[in-house]
Amino acid sequence: MKIIFSILFLIFAGCSSNVAPKLLLPNNVPSNYSHSKSDTLDFVGEWWQVFNDTTFNNHFKQFNALSLDLKSVSKQLESSRLLASINGAILSPNVNISTDGSQRKQNLSAFGFSPSALGLGGESQDSSSSESVISFESSNFSANLVMQWEIDIWGKLRNQRKAALKNYEASYNELNYLQFSLGARFASSYYNAVEAKMQHLLSDQIYQSLKEVRDVVSERYERGLTSSLDLRLSESALANSELQKINQSIQSVKLLRDLEVLLGKYPSSSLEISNALPLSIPSIPAGIPSDLIERRPDVKAAINRIEAASFEHVQSKRNLFPSFSLTATGGTSASDLNDILNGDYSVWNLGANITAPIFQSGRLRNNVKLKDSQLSISEIEAAKTMIRAFSEVEQALFVQSAIKEQLKAVSAAEQQSKAAYLLAFDRYQKGLTDLVTVLNSQNQWRNTQSLQISVQKNQIMSFTNLLLALGGHF
């Protein structure tokens, strides 16, 4: 019997081996990104310090310490680790200790006996006493150590454990990527609030500028140098500017409250933030596309899911084989509680069990097909994740390059529109041009100033998006 068992073990010991996961990628993946940069990032430190913004850095530290979203992710990471530990313990024997105590009273009538049948009682006794019930009491106390262990001959449990560990790695990578994305989201929200603050300040400056225009028009009207139409146009422009200022104030307060919520604070809109957007932001070296497999946690997680599905597929096949388990019990059993620790009353039991599936209505074989299908799905999902990652990097690189050109163009446009407005206003005061030209040039200057602030903010967004697309580090 031992020889047969040994032969079976050698035959099936290698059954737990696993097929390497397949990653379905396009055939035309280039060696470099289309908009890849060859320059290097001359920066040492955490990514958020690249903005060189002390106020933001202080708030980001508070975000890491106080954010309820980050605390939730941290607890999810802990739960995922504990779940993997629980699922991975299946290979180990189960050992339990138990104690038991019982006392009972029985009578012989329960077994079909009566006192007269046993020769108890005499003729002189009346019938009721001769037929009285005879009972007895018994006690039993025990203490046992119980062990159960399934012998993993086919590698079924090992594959189940490996699948659990790979699922944990996938969860860890996904949550790690979520953790970084929350930080990038906070940076985006912070500088959205800074932009809204700058836009509000700009709207106030525009209001003051139009008020100055209205005062000049009013003075010229009183002197009879201009018509009432100009006065009404200047008053209308001033009112519209005030409306714009109020709308910008509403937007600024809303974004400030959103930022406070991310920090886990009461949304009182009293948070002090930066007065300007950082302008000097270095480029990030993109590397080569294959780096994403090693750099992006979500891509790593997708590969982990393939590996876990592969192990589960192998495990489903091993479920078709018999299961072998051992049981052992050792302890004491006595009728007196004082003897429960006495070795003279020791008892033990050893057992072996073999369970083989005979008829399962196709459940086990269909489970093999199911796991095979799930493995194929995980391979497809991983390929989709990788292609999406390629697209995100290419788009982020393109946007980063385009924004640099936008900054140059909008800076030139702002300078020219400012000069045009100042010239038009001066010419109007001298009576050389009409008010419509002044208002149009002032509106164009305002639009280019607002656009310049937005493009500066978009430069920060492109930096965080590219950093996130590349995997969250330089």
Protein backbone atom coordinates (compact mmCIF):
# COMPACT_ATOMS: atom_id res chain seq x y z
CA MET A 1 0.00 0.00 0.00
CA LYS A 2 2.87 2.37 0.84
CA ILE A 3 4.47 1.67 -2.55
CA ILE A 4 1.23 2.45 -4.41
CA PHE A 5 0.78 5.65 -2.42
CA SER A 6 4.34 6.74 -3.17
CA ILE A 7 3.90 6.12 -6.91
CA LEU A 8 0.67 8.14 -6.95
CA PHE A 9 2.40 10.96 -5.10
CA LEU A 10 5.25 11.12 -7.61
CA ILE A 11 2.79 11.10 -10.51
CA PHE A 12 0.60 13.90 -9.23
CA ALA A 13 3.06 15.99 -7.21
CA GLY A 14 3.77 18.15 -10.26
CA CYS A 15 0.09 18.79 -10.93
CA SER A 16 0.18 22.04 -8.98
CA SER A 17 2.44 23.69 -11.56
CA ASN A 18 0.92 26.71 -13.22
CA VAL A 19 0.96 28.04 -16.75
CA ALA A 20 2.56 31.49 -17.10
CA PRO A 21 -0.07 34.20 -17.66
CA LYS A 22 -0.51 35.64 -21.12
CA LEU A 23 -0.62 39.38 -21.71
CA LEU A 24 -2.47 40.19 -24.91
CA LEU A 25 -0.80 43.31 -26.32
CA PRO A 26 -0.96 44.97 -29.74
CA ASN A 27 1.75 43.95 -32.20
CA ASN A 28 2.67 47.56 -33.04
CA VAL A 29 3.77 48.78 -29.61
CA PRO A 30 6.58 51.30 -30.36
CA SER A 31 9.93 51.38 -28.62
CA ASN A 32 9.26 54.97 -27.49
CA TYR A 33 6.19 57.12 -26.95
CA SER A 34 5.13 59.37 -29.81
CA HIS A 35 5.69 62.51 -27.72
CA SER A 36 8.38 61.14 -25.43
CA LYS A 37 10.85 63.64 -24.00
CA SER A 38 14.54 62.88 -23.71
CA ASP A 39 15.21 65.49 -21.03
CA THR A 40 15.57 64.45 -17.42
CA LEU A 41 13.80 65.80 -14.39
CA ASP A 42 16.24 67.86 -12.33
CA PHE A 43 14.37 67.39 -9.06
CA VAL A 44 14.88 65.40 -5.86
CA GLY A 45 12.06 64.90 -3.37
CA GLU A 46 8.38 64.00 -3.22
CA TRP A 47 6.36 64.74 -6.34
CA TRP A 48 4.14 67.39 -4.75
CA GLN A 49 7.19 69.45 -3.74
CA VAL A 50 7.93 70.12 -7.41
CA PHE A 51 5.44 73.03 -7.28
CA ASN A 52 7.70 74.85 -4.79
CA ASP A 53 4.56 76.01 -2.98
CA THR A 54 4.95 76.07 0.81
CA THR A 55 1.24 76.62 1.47
CA PHE A 56 0.29 73.69 -0.73
CA ASN A 57 2.94 71.47 0.88
CA ASN A 58 1.53 72.20 4.33
CA HIS A 59 -2.01 71.40 3.20
CA PHE A 60 -0.85 68.23 1.47
CA LYS A 61 0.71 67.00 4.71
CA GLN A 62 -2.60 67.66 6.43
CA PHE A 63 -4.37 65.78 3.65
CA ASN A 64 -2.17 62.72 4.19
CA ALA A 65 -2.86 62.86 7.92
CA LEU A 66 -6.55 63.82 8.00
CA SER A 67 -8.16 62.64 4.76
CA LEU A 68 -11.02 60.27 5.43
CA ASP A 69 -10.60 58.82 1.93
CA LEU A 70 -6.97 57.90 2.66
CA LYS A 71 -7.96 56.41 6.02
CA SER A 72 -10.56 54.28 4.22
CA VAL A 73 -7.95 53.07 1.73
CA SER A 74 -5.60 52.23 4.60
CA LYS A 75 -8.28 50.11 6.27
CA GLN A 76 -9.07 48.40 2.97
CA LEU A 77 -5.39 47.52 2.59
CA GLU A 78 -5.37 46.02 6.08
CA SER A 79 -8.56 44.05 5.38
CA SER A 80 -7.14 42.75 2.11
CA ARG A 81 -3.97 41.58 3.86
CA LEU A 82 -5.94 39.82 6.61
CA LEU A 83 -8.21 38.13 4.05
CA ALA A 84 -5.16 36.81 2.18
CA SER A 85 -3.75 35.51 5.45
CA ILE A 86 -7.02 33.75 6.24
CA ASN A 87 -7.29 32.15 2.79
CA GLY A 88 -3.61 31.19 2.82
CA ALA A 89 -3.90 29.27 6.10
CA ILE A 90 -5.72 26.42 4.42
CA LEU A 91 -2.53 24.34 4.07
CA SER A 92 -1.95 24.18 7.80
CA PRO A 93 -3.59 21.61 10.12
CA ASN A 94 -6.51 22.70 12.25
CA VAL A 95 -5.86 22.05 15.93
CA ASN A 96 -8.53 22.68 18.56
CA ILE A 97 -8.83 22.02 22.25
CA SER A 98 -12.13 21.11 23.81
CA THR A 99 -13.44 20.26 27.25
CA ASP A 100 -16.72 18.60 28.06
CA GLY A 101 -18.64 17.76 31.18
CA SER A 102 -21.98 15.99 31.56
CA GLN A 103 -24.08 14.43 34.27
CA ARG A 104 -27.25 12.49 33.69
CA LYS A 105 -29.85 10.40 35.44
CA GLN A 106 -31.53 7.38 33.80
CA ASN A 107 -34.02 4.71 34.87
CA LEU A 108 -34.21 1.09 33.82
CA SER A 109 -37.73 1.43 32.52
CA ALA A 110 -36.30 3.27 29.55
CA PHE A 111 -34.64 -0.02 28.58
CA GLY A 112 -37.79 -2.16 29.11
CA PHE A 113 -36.89 -3.49 32.55
CA SER A 114 -38.96 -3.46 35.75
CA PRO A 115 -37.95 -4.24 39.34
CA SER A 116 -39.97 -7.49 39.36
CA ALA A 117 -38.29 -8.64 36.18
CA LEU A 118 -34.93 -8.14 37.84
CA GLY A 119 -36.04 -10.01 40.99
CA LEU A 120 -36.20 -6.89 43.08
CA GLY A 121 -38.93 -6.51 45.71
CA GLY A 122 -40.94 -9.32 47.57
CA GLU A 123 -44.45 -10.82 47.89
CA SER A 124 -45.10 -8.88 51.10
CA GLN A 125 -44.72 -5.60 49.27
CA ASP A 126 -47.76 -4.08 47.64
CA SER A 127 -47.93 -3.85 43.91
CA SER A 128 -47.07 -0.18 43.75
CA SER A 129 -43.83 -0.54 45.68
CA SER A 130 -42.85 -3.69 43.77
CA GLU A 131 -43.24 -1.80 40.52
CA SER A 132 -41.34 1.37 41.67
CA VAL A 133 -38.88 2.86 39.20
CA ILE A 134 -35.18 2.13 39.66
CA SER A 135 -32.84 4.90 38.44
CA PHE A 136 -29.12 5.63 38.46
CA GLU A 137 -26.84 8.63 37.86
CA SER A 138 -23.62 8.90 35.83
CA SER A 139 -21.02 11.62 35.22
CA ASN A 140 -18.43 12.08 32.50
CA PHE A 141 -15.72 14.71 32.06
CA SER A 142 -13.23 14.95 29.21
CA ALA A 143 -10.47 17.16 27.81
CA ASN A 144 -9.31 16.61 24.22
CA LEU A 145 -6.89 17.97 21.65
CA VAL A 146 -8.33 17.53 18.15
CA MET A 147 -6.33 17.80 14.92
CA GLN A 148 -7.64 17.75 11.33
CA TRP A 149 -5.38 18.01 8.29
CA GLU A 150 -6.10 17.63 4.60
CA ILE A 151 -3.03 16.28 2.82
CA ASP A 152 -2.46 18.36 -0.31
CA ILE A 153 -1.31 15.58 -2.64
CA TRP A 154 -2.54 17.16 -5.89
CA GLY A 155 -1.58 20.72 -5.08
CA LYS A 156 -5.20 21.85 -4.86
CA LEU A 157 -4.71 23.75 -1.62
CA ARG A 158 -1.37 25.18 -2.71
CA ASN A 159 -3.00 26.67 -5.80
CA GLN A 160 -5.82 28.02 -3.69
CA ARG A 161 -3.27 29.67 -1.41
CA LYS A 162 -1.31 31.11 -4.35
CA ALA A 163 -4.53 32.47 -5.86
CA ALA A 164 -5.35 34.15 -2.54
CA LEU A 165 -1.92 35.75 -2.38
CA LYS A 166 -2.14 36.99 -5.99
CA ASN A 167 -5.58 38.43 -5.33
CA TYR A 168 -4.08 40.23 -2.34
CA GLU A 169 -1.25 41.60 -4.48
CA ALA A 170 -3.83 42.79 -7.01
CA SER A 171 -5.87 44.50 -4.28
CA TYR A 172 -2.72 46.03 -2.82
CA ASN A 173 -1.65 47.46 -6.18
CA GLU A 174 -5.14 48.75 -6.97
CA LEU A 175 -5.46 50.42 -3.59
CA ASN A 176 -1.93 51.78 -3.83
CA TYR A 177 -2.81 53.36 -7.19
CA LEU A 178 -6.04 54.69 -5.68
CA GLN A 179 -4.03 56.17 -2.83
CA PHE A 180 -1.78 58.06 -5.23
CA SER A 181 -4.71 59.12 -7.41
CA LEU A 182 -6.37 60.62 -4.32
CA GLY A 183 -3.23 62.68 -3.76
CA ALA A 184 -3.25 63.81 -7.39
CA ARG A 185 -6.95 64.62 -7.07
CA PHE A 186 -6.22 66.76 -4.01
CA ALA A 187 -3.52 68.65 -5.92
CA SER A 188 -5.98 69.23 -8.76
CA SER A 189 -8.70 70.39 -6.37
CA TYR A 190 -6.28 72.67 -4.55
CA TYR A 191 -5.11 74.45 -7.69
CA ASN A 192 -8.65 74.59 -9.04
CA ALA A 193 -9.45 76.58 -5.89
CA VAL A 194 -6.36 78.74 -6.41
CA GLU A 195 -7.43 79.40 -10.00
CA ALA A 196 -10.94 80.34 -8.86
CA LYS A 197 -9.42 82.72 -6.30
CA MET A 198 -7.27 84.33 -9.01
CA GLN A 199 -10.25 84.59 -11.35
CA HIS A 200 -12.23 86.28 -8.59
CA LEU A 201 -9.42 88.76 -7.98
CA LEU A 202 -9.20 89.39 -11.73
CA SER A 203 -12.94 90.04 -11.92
CA ASP A 204 -12.56 92.61 -9.15
CA GLN A 205 -9.69 94.27 -11.05
CA ILE A 206 -11.81 94.35 -14.21
CA TYR A 207 -14.66 95.89 -12.24
CA GLN A 208 -12.37 98.64 -10.94
CA SER A 209 -11.07 99.23 -14.47
CA LEU A 210 -14.59 99.56 -15.88
CA LYS A 211 -15.55 101.83 -13.01
CA GLU A 212 -12.67 104.09 -14.03
CA VAL A 213 -13.96 104.05 -17.61
CA ARG A 214 -17.49 104.85 -16.42
CA ASP A 215 -16.21 107.80 -14.36
CA VAL A 216 -14.34 109.21 -17.38
CA VAL A 217 -17.44 108.80 -19.59
CA SER A 218 -19.63 110.41 -16.92
CA GLU A 219 -17.26 113.37 -16.67
CA ARG A 220 -17.16 113.77 -20.43
CA TYR A 221 -20.96 113.54 -20.57
CA GLU A 222 -21.36 116.30 -17.99
CA ARG A 223 -19.03 118.43 -20.05
CA GLY A 224 -21.08 117.72 -23.16
CA LEU A 225 -18.23 115.90 -24.89
CA THR A 226 -20.06 112.57 -25.33
CA SER A 227 -23.59 111.28 -25.78
CA SER A 228 -25.92 109.54 -23.32
CA LEU A 229 -25.39 106.35 -25.33
CA ASP A 230 -21.78 106.17 -24.17
CA LEU A 231 -22.87 106.73 -20.59
CA ARG A 232 -25.42 103.92 -20.79
CA LEU A 233 -22.90 101.58 -22.44
CA SER A 234 -20.35 102.23 -19.68
CA GLU A 235 -22.98 101.69 -16.96
CA SER A 236 -24.09 98.43 -18.63
CA ALA A 237 -20.50 97.15 -18.87
CA LEU A 238 -19.93 98.00 -15.22
CA ALA A 239 -23.10 96.14 -14.11
CA ASN A 240 -22.16 93.08 -16.15
CA SER A 241 -18.70 93.16 -14.59
CA GLU A 242 -20.23 93.23 -11.11
CA LEU A 243 -22.36 90.21 -12.02
CA GLN A 244 -19.24 88.41 -13.23
CA LYS A 245 -17.48 89.21 -9.96
CA ILE A 246 -20.35 87.72 -7.93
CA ASN A 247 -20.37 84.55 -10.05
CA GLN A 248 -16.62 84.16 -9.58
CA SER A 249 -17.06 84.59 -5.84
CA ILE A 250 -19.66 81.80 -5.75
CA GLN A 251 -17.34 79.48 -7.68
CA SER A 252 -14.37 80.31 -5.47
CA VAL A 253 -16.26 79.63 -2.25
CA LYS A 254 -17.63 76.33 -3.58
CA LEU A 255 -14.20 75.02 -4.58
CA LEU A 256 -12.75 76.14 -1.25
CA ARG A 257 -15.43 74.15 0.59
CA ASP A 258 -14.76 71.11 -1.61
CA LEU A 259 -11.09 71.37 -0.66
CA GLU A 260 -11.94 71.51 3.03
CA VAL A 261 -14.06 68.38 2.67
CA LEU A 262 -11.08 66.55 1.16
CA LEU A 263 -9.04 67.61 4.19
CA GLY A 264 -11.67 66.22 6.54
CA LYS A 265 -12.47 69.69 7.88
CA TYR A 266 -15.72 71.54 8.35
CA PRO A 267 -16.54 73.32 5.03
CA SER A 268 -16.45 76.90 6.31
CA SER A 269 -14.67 78.29 3.21
CA SER A 270 -12.10 79.89 5.50
CA LEU A 271 -9.07 77.87 4.39
CA GLU A 272 -6.02 79.95 3.49
CA ILE A 273 -4.63 78.96 0.10
CA SER A 274 -1.95 80.24 -2.28
CA ASN A 275 -2.47 83.53 -4.08
CA ALA A 276 -0.88 82.42 -7.36
CA LEU A 277 -0.30 79.33 -9.46
CA PRO A 278 3.22 77.86 -9.76
CA LEU A 279 4.66 78.68 -13.16
CA SER A 280 7.94 76.75 -13.26
CA ILE A 281 7.08 73.05 -13.59
CA PRO A 282 9.68 70.70 -15.11
CA SER A 283 8.91 68.02 -17.67
CA ILE A 284 8.75 64.35 -16.70
CA PRO A 285 10.90 61.87 -18.67
CA ALA A 286 8.42 59.38 -20.11
CA GLY A 287 10.72 56.38 -20.72
CA ILE A 288 9.54 53.52 -22.93
CA PRO A 289 6.10 51.86 -23.13
CA SER A 290 7.22 48.54 -21.61
CA ASP A 291 8.06 50.43 -18.39
CA LEU A 292 4.35 50.66 -17.64
CA ILE A 293 4.25 46.96 -16.75
CA GLU A 294 6.70 47.62 -13.93
CA ARG A 295 5.62 51.15 -12.99
CA ARG A 296 1.84 51.36 -13.00
CA PRO A 297 0.18 49.66 -10.03
CA ASP A 298 -3.11 49.16 -11.91
CA VAL A 299 -1.26 47.28 -14.68
CA LYS A 300 0.50 45.20 -12.05
CA ALA A 301 -2.87 44.49 -10.48
CA ALA A 302 -4.30 43.34 -13.82
CA ILE A 303 -1.39 40.91 -14.24
CA ASN A 304 -1.92 39.71 -10.66
CA ARG A 305 -5.55 39.00 -11.54
CA ILE A 306 -4.40 36.83 -14.46
CA GLU A 307 -2.06 34.89 -12.17
CA ALA A 308 -4.77 34.43 -9.55
CA ALA A 309 -7.26 33.23 -12.19
CA SER A 310 -4.63 30.81 -13.51
CA PHE A 311 -4.09 29.31 -10.06
CA GLU A 312 -7.85 29.04 -9.55
CA HIS A 313 -8.14 27.28 -12.91
CA VAL A 314 -5.55 24.70 -11.84
CA GLN A 315 -7.28 24.29 -8.50
CA SER A 316 -10.62 23.60 -10.17
CA LYS A 317 -9.01 20.70 -12.04
CA ARG A 318 -7.56 19.29 -8.82
CA ASN A 319 -11.03 19.28 -7.28
CA LEU A 320 -11.78 16.31 -9.56
CA PHE A 321 -9.26 14.18 -7.62
CA PRO A 322 -9.86 12.43 -4.27
CA SER A 323 -9.18 14.30 -1.04
CA PHE A 324 -7.08 12.77 1.73
CA SER A 325 -7.30 13.92 5.31
CA LEU A 326 -6.03 12.82 8.70
CA THR A 327 -7.73 13.22 12.07
CA ALA A 328 -6.29 12.70 15.51
CA THR A 329 -7.76 13.11 18.97
CA GLY A 330 -6.00 12.77 22.30
CA GLY A 331 -7.06 13.59 25.82
CA THR A 332 -8.64 12.18 28.97
CA SER A 333 -12.06 10.91 29.91
CA ALA A 334 -13.18 10.26 33.50
CA SER A 335 -16.32 10.09 35.60
CA ASP A 336 -14.81 12.38 38.22
CA LEU A 337 -13.80 15.94 37.46
CA ASN A 338 -10.71 15.57 39.67
CA ASP A 339 -9.37 12.85 37.34
CA ILE A 340 -9.59 14.89 34.12
CA LEU A 341 -5.87 15.72 34.28
CA ASN A 342 -4.86 12.22 35.35
CA GLY A 343 -2.85 10.47 32.64
CA ASP A 344 -4.25 7.09 33.68
CA TYR A 345 -7.55 8.13 32.14
CA SER A 346 -6.05 9.07 28.75
CA VAL A 347 -7.84 8.27 25.49
CA TRP A 348 -6.81 8.76 21.86
CA ASN A 349 -8.02 8.17 18.36
CA LEU A 350 -6.35 8.25 14.93
CA GLY A 351 -8.19 8.23 11.63
CA ALA A 352 -7.72 8.67 7.89
CA ASN A 353 -10.33 9.72 5.36
CA ILE A 354 -10.51 9.52 1.58
CA THR A 355 -13.26 11.38 -0.26
CA ALA A 356 -13.66 11.02 -4.01
CA PRO A 357 -16.30 12.77 -6.15
CA ILE A 358 -18.53 10.25 -7.93
CA PHE A 359 -21.60 12.12 -9.09
CA GLN A 360 -21.84 15.93 -8.93
CA SER A 361 -24.26 16.62 -11.81
CA GLY A 362 -21.40 18.18 -13.77
CA ARG A 363 -20.75 20.77 -11.08
CA LEU A 364 -16.99 20.19 -10.82
CA ARG A 365 -16.35 19.93 -14.57
CA ASN A 366 -18.46 22.99 -15.27
CA ASN A 367 -16.46 24.79 -12.58
CA VAL A 368 -13.29 23.95 -14.55
CA LYS A 369 -14.86 25.52 -17.65
CA LEU A 370 -15.95 28.52 -15.60
CA LYS A 371 -12.44 29.11 -14.25
CA ASP A 372 -11.01 28.74 -17.75
CA SER A 373 -13.47 31.37 -18.98
CA GLN A 374 -12.58 33.67 -16.08
CA LEU A 375 -8.89 33.27 -16.91
CA SER A 376 -9.56 34.38 -20.49
CA ILE A 377 -11.57 37.35 -19.23
CA SER A 378 -8.74 38.42 -16.89
CA GLU A 379 -6.29 38.27 -19.83
CA ILE A 380 -8.60 40.44 -21.94
CA GLU A 381 -9.14 42.92 -19.08
CA ALA A 382 -5.36 43.17 -18.53
CA ALA A 383 -4.86 43.93 -22.23
CA LYS A 384 -7.54 46.62 -22.04
CA THR A 385 -5.86 48.12 -18.98
CA MET A 386 -2.49 48.20 -20.74
CA ILE A 387 -3.88 49.79 -23.92
CA ARG A 388 -5.74 52.37 -21.85
CA ALA A 389 -2.50 53.10 -19.99
CA PHE A 390 -0.67 53.63 -23.30
CA SER A 391 -3.41 56.03 -24.40
CA GLU A 392 -3.30 57.98 -21.14
CA VAL A 393 0.47 58.42 -21.35
CA GLU A 394 0.44 59.44 -25.03
CA GLN A 395 -2.37 61.93 -24.43
CA ALA A 396 -0.75 63.34 -21.28
CA LEU A 397 2.56 63.80 -23.11
CA PHE A 398 0.81 65.49 -26.03
CA VAL A 399 -1.14 67.82 -23.72
CA GLN A 400 1.98 68.71 -21.75
CA SER A 401 3.79 69.66 -24.96
CA ALA A 402 0.78 71.58 -26.31
CA ILE A 403 0.32 73.55 -23.08
CA LYS A 404 3.85 74.92 -23.33
CA GLU A 405 2.93 76.34 -26.72
CA GLN A 406 -0.35 77.64 -25.30
CA LEU A 407 1.49 79.46 -22.53
CA LYS A 408 3.69 81.25 -25.06
CA ALA A 409 0.71 82.23 -27.23
CA VAL A 410 -1.53 83.40 -24.40
CA SER A 411 1.30 85.41 -22.83
CA ALA A 412 1.83 87.26 -26.12
CA ALA A 413 -1.93 87.75 -26.52
CA GLU A 414 -2.25 89.17 -23.00
CA GLN A 415 0.53 91.70 -23.59
CA GLN A 416 -0.92 92.85 -26.90
CA SER A 417 -4.51 93.09 -25.65
CA LYS A 418 -3.37 95.10 -22.61
CA ALA A 419 -1.48 97.50 -24.85
CA ALA A 420 -4.49 97.77 -27.16
CA TYR A 421 -6.81 98.60 -24.25
CA LEU A 422 -4.50 101.23 -22.77
CA LEU A 423 -4.07 102.83 -26.21
CA ALA A 424 -7.82 102.80 -26.91
CA PHE A 425 -8.64 104.30 -23.52
CA ASP A 426 -6.06 107.05 -23.98
CA ARG A 427 -7.36 107.83 -27.46
CA TYR A 428 -10.94 107.93 -26.12
CA GLN A 429 -9.98 110.47 -23.47
CA LYS A 430 -8.50 112.59 -26.25
CA GLY A 431 -11.64 112.19 -28.36
CA LEU A 432 -9.87 110.21 -31.08
CA THR A 433 -11.91 106.97 -30.86
CA ASP A 434 -15.33 105.80 -29.69
CA LEU A 435 -16.30 104.03 -26.44
CA VAL A 436 -17.21 100.75 -28.18
CA THR A 437 -13.58 100.33 -29.20
CA VAL A 438 -12.50 100.88 -25.59
CA LEU A 439 -15.02 98.37 -24.21
CA ASN A 440 -14.18 95.77 -26.84
CA SER A 441 -10.44 96.08 -26.20
CA GLN A 442 -11.03 95.94 -22.46
CA ASN A 443 -13.18 92.81 -22.84
CA GLN A 444 -10.51 91.18 -25.00
CA TRP A 445 -7.85 91.96 -22.43
CA ARG A 446 -10.02 90.51 -19.67
CA ASN A 447 -10.61 87.31 -21.66
CA THR A 448 -6.91 86.80 -22.36
CA GLN A 449 -6.05 87.37 -18.69
CA SER A 450 -8.65 84.80 -17.64
CA LEU A 451 -7.45 82.39 -20.30
CA GLN A 452 -3.86 82.82 -19.16
CA ILE A 453 -4.81 81.81 -15.60
CA SER A 454 -6.69 78.77 -16.92
CA VAL A 455 -3.76 77.64 -19.07
CA GLN A 456 -1.40 78.01 -16.11
CA LYS A 457 -3.72 75.80 -14.08
CA ASN A 458 -3.95 73.31 -16.94
CA GLN A 459 -0.18 73.03 -16.88
CA ILE A 460 -0.43 71.74 -13.31
CA MET A 461 -3.24 69.36 -14.29
CA SER A 462 -1.17 67.99 -17.17
CA PHE A 463 1.76 67.38 -14.79
CA THR A 464 -0.37 65.40 -12.31
CA ASN A 465 -2.14 63.50 -15.11
CA LEU A 466 1.16 62.51 -16.70
CA LEU A 467 2.59 61.51 -13.35
CA LEU A 468 -0.48 59.37 -12.70
CA ALA A 469 -0.36 57.88 -16.21
CA LEU A 470 3.29 56.93 -15.77
CA GLY A 471 2.66 55.10 -12.51
CA GLY A 472 2.93 57.68 -9.80
CA HIS A 473 6.66 58.33 -9.62
CA PHE A 474 9.47 59.78 -11.71
